[in-house]
Amino acid sequence: MSNRVEGFFKSEHFCYRQWDRQVSDNLLSEILKGIEPNNCNTLLIVSRNVLKKANKNRNEELFIKVDNKTLITCFYCQFQEYLATTRVQKYLIIDNI
């Protein structure tokens, strides 16, 4: 596991969570290939369809928190469950790679 992927730097916390949740660098590379960094916190939401294409059969979406060019954390959660919370967060849904 490297400290960089597709121009994004991985925080130490992200590296641990990536390992803990078994998110491969190949999957990250595919997801982040078309994403351009911006100057604010963004939550990338990777759909189940994308995960299925990568042979990850999960009943949850993959959430990746990005701040500028730094990957902060990643976790699995159901999208509806996430929407039920009262967080205000800018997000981007990735449905096709």
C-alpha atoms as a PDB file:
ATOM      1  CA  MET A   1       0.000   0.000   0.000  1.00  0.00           C
ATOM      2  CA  SER A   2       1.492   3.313  -1.038  1.00  0.00           C
ATOM      3  CA  ASN A   3       0.989   6.775   0.462  1.00  0.00           C
ATOM      4  CA  ARG A   4      -0.310   8.235  -2.814  1.00  0.00           C
ATOM      5  CA  VAL A   5      -2.879   7.232  -5.389  1.00  0.00           C
ATOM      6  CA  GLU A   6      -3.888   9.160  -8.535  1.00  0.00           C
ATOM      7  CA  GLY A   7      -2.326  12.385  -7.228  1.00  0.00           C
ATOM      8  CA  PHE A   8      -4.038  12.172  -3.827  1.00  0.00           C
ATOM      9  CA  PHE A   9      -2.065  11.855  -0.582  1.00  0.00           C
ATOM     10  CA  LYS A  10      -3.325   9.297   1.964  1.00  0.00           C
ATOM     11  CA  SER A  11      -3.432  10.385   5.597  1.00  0.00           C
ATOM     12  CA  GLU A  12      -2.220   7.896   8.201  1.00  0.00           C
ATOM     13  CA  HIS A  13      -5.820   7.444   9.372  1.00  0.00           C
ATOM     14  CA  PHE A  14      -6.939   6.734   5.810  1.00  0.00           C
ATOM     15  CA  CYS A  15      -4.227   4.077   5.340  1.00  0.00           C
ATOM     16  CA  TYR A  16      -5.392   2.292   8.480  1.00  0.00           C
ATOM     17  CA  ARG A  17      -9.071   2.473   7.489  1.00  0.00           C
ATOM     18  CA  GLN A  18      -8.259   1.363   3.942  1.00  0.00           C
ATOM     19  CA  TRP A  19      -6.502  -1.714   5.289  1.00  0.00           C
ATOM     20  CA  ASP A  20      -9.216  -2.367   7.901  1.00  0.00           C
ATOM     21  CA  ARG A  21     -12.022  -2.153   5.320  1.00  0.00           C
ATOM     22  CA  GLN A  22     -10.097  -4.026   2.614  1.00  0.00           C
ATOM     23  CA  VAL A  23     -10.209  -1.265  -0.006  1.00  0.00           C
ATOM     24  CA  SER A  24      -7.503  -1.973  -2.572  1.00  0.00           C
ATOM     25  CA  ASP A  25      -5.267   0.606  -4.231  1.00  0.00           C
ATOM     26  CA  ASN A  26      -6.534  -0.660  -7.614  1.00  0.00           C
ATOM     27  CA  LEU A  27     -10.136   0.150  -6.654  1.00  0.00           C
ATOM     28  CA  LEU A  28      -9.093   3.565  -5.329  1.00  0.00           C
ATOM     29  CA  SER A  29      -7.206   4.265  -8.526  1.00  0.00           C
ATOM     30  CA  GLU A  30     -10.275   3.455 -10.632  1.00  0.00           C
ATOM     31  CA  ILE A  31     -12.508   5.631  -8.447  1.00  0.00           C
ATOM     32  CA  LEU A  32     -10.182   8.630  -8.223  1.00  0.00           C
ATOM     33  CA  LYS A  33      -9.070   8.600 -11.872  1.00  0.00           C
ATOM     34  CA  GLY A  34     -11.633  11.190 -12.978  1.00  0.00           C
ATOM     35  CA  ILE A  35     -11.842  13.196  -9.746  1.00  0.00           C
ATOM     36  CA  GLU A  36     -10.236  16.616  -9.617  1.00  0.00           C
ATOM     37  CA  PRO A  37      -9.236  17.940  -6.189  1.00  0.00           C
ATOM     38  CA  ASN A  38     -10.991  21.051  -4.930  1.00  0.00           C
ATOM     39  CA  ASN A  39     -10.395  23.377  -1.980  1.00  0.00           C
ATOM     40  CA  CYS A  40     -13.129  22.079   0.297  1.00  0.00           C
ATOM     41  CA  ASN A  41     -14.128  18.931   2.153  1.00  0.00           C
ATOM     42  CA  THR A  42     -15.953  16.573  -0.164  1.00  0.00           C
ATOM     43  CA  LEU A  43     -17.472  13.170   0.442  1.00  0.00           C
ATOM     44  CA  LEU A  44     -17.202  10.749  -2.474  1.00  0.00           C
ATOM     45  CA  ILE A  45     -19.997   8.187  -2.478  1.00  0.00           C
ATOM     46  CA  VAL A  46     -19.169   5.108  -4.536  1.00  0.00           C
ATOM     47  CA  SER A  47     -22.301   3.211  -5.562  1.00  0.00           C
ATOM     48  CA  ARG A  48     -22.862  -0.507  -5.117  1.00  0.00           C
ATOM     49  CA  ASN A  49     -22.783  -0.926  -8.913  1.00  0.00           C
ATOM     50  CA  VAL A  50     -19.202   0.322  -9.050  1.00  0.00           C
ATOM     51  CA  LEU A  51     -18.244  -1.938  -6.149  1.00  0.00           C
ATOM     52  CA  LYS A  52     -19.837  -4.944  -7.875  1.00  0.00           C
ATOM     53  CA  LYS A  53     -17.762  -4.258 -10.995  1.00  0.00           C
ATOM     54  CA  ALA A  54     -14.695  -4.419  -8.751  1.00  0.00           C
ATOM     55  CA  ASN A  55     -15.884  -7.752  -7.272  1.00  0.00           C
ATOM     56  CA  LYS A  56     -16.817  -6.229  -3.912  1.00  0.00           C
ATOM     57  CA  ASN A  57     -20.279  -7.560  -3.119  1.00  0.00           C
ATOM     58  CA  ARG A  58     -21.480  -5.217  -0.387  1.00  0.00           C
ATOM     59  CA  ASN A  59     -24.961  -4.036   0.498  1.00  0.00           C
ATOM     60  CA  GLU A  60     -23.556  -0.619   1.320  1.00  0.00           C
ATOM     61  CA  GLU A  61     -21.920   2.241  -0.515  1.00  0.00           C
ATOM     62  CA  LEU A  62     -18.279   3.194  -0.010  1.00  0.00           C
ATOM     63  CA  PHE A  63     -17.785   6.705   1.398  1.00  0.00           C
ATOM     64  CA  ILE A  64     -14.415   8.434   0.962  1.00  0.00           C
ATOM     65  CA  LYS A  65     -13.774  11.769   2.679  1.00  0.00           C
ATOM     66  CA  VAL A  66     -11.421  14.036   0.721  1.00  0.00           C
ATOM     67  CA  ASP A  67      -9.980  17.397   1.744  1.00  0.00           C
ATOM     68  CA  ASN A  68      -8.229  19.125  -1.153  1.00  0.00           C
ATOM     69  CA  LYS A  69      -5.676  16.476  -2.256  1.00  0.00           C
ATOM     70  CA  THR A  70      -5.739  14.438   0.959  1.00  0.00           C
ATOM     71  CA  LEU A  71      -7.785  11.293   1.543  1.00  0.00           C
ATOM     72  CA  ILE A  72      -9.024  11.563   5.136  1.00  0.00           C
ATOM     73  CA  THR A  73     -11.039   8.399   5.790  1.00  0.00           C
ATOM     74  CA  CYS A  74     -13.204   5.748   4.139  1.00  0.00           C
ATOM     75  CA  PHE A  75     -16.116   3.703   5.422  1.00  0.00           C
ATOM     76  CA  TYR A  76     -19.061   1.629   4.269  1.00  0.00           C
ATOM     77  CA  CYS A  77     -22.576   2.860   4.994  1.00  0.00           C
ATOM     78  CA  GLN A  78     -26.015   2.670   3.422  1.00  0.00           C
ATOM     79  CA  PHE A  79     -26.832   5.842   1.530  1.00  0.00           C
ATOM     80  CA  GLN A  80     -30.298   6.150   3.061  1.00  0.00           C
ATOM     81  CA  GLU A  81     -28.795   5.843   6.527  1.00  0.00           C
ATOM     82  CA  TYR A  82     -26.329   8.596   5.693  1.00  0.00           C
ATOM     83  CA  LEU A  83     -29.096  10.885   4.399  1.00  0.00           C
ATOM     84  CA  ALA A  84     -31.052  10.362   7.621  1.00  0.00           C
ATOM     85  CA  THR A  85     -28.313  12.104   9.598  1.00  0.00           C
ATOM     86  CA  THR A  86     -28.427  15.877   9.850  1.00  0.00           C
ATOM     87  CA  ARG A  87     -24.892  16.504   8.586  1.00  0.00           C
ATOM     88  CA  VAL A  88     -24.278  19.245   6.091  1.00  0.00           C
ATOM     89  CA  GLN A  89     -21.644  17.930   3.704  1.00  0.00           C
ATOM     90  CA  LYS A  90     -20.792  18.493   0.082  1.00  0.00           C
ATOM     91  CA  TYR A  91     -20.823  15.149  -1.692  1.00  0.00           C
ATOM     92  CA  LEU A  92     -20.253  13.609  -5.104  1.00  0.00           C
ATOM     93  CA  ILE A  93     -21.884  10.327  -6.152  1.00  0.00           C
ATOM     94  CA  ILE A  94     -19.787   8.020  -8.329  1.00  0.00           C
ATOM     95  CA  ASP A  95     -22.049   5.631 -10.204  1.00  0.00           C
ATOM     96  CA  ASN A  96     -19.876   4.632 -13.135  1.00  0.00           C
ATOM     97  CA  ILE A  97     -16.167   4.074 -13.716  1.00  0.00           C
END
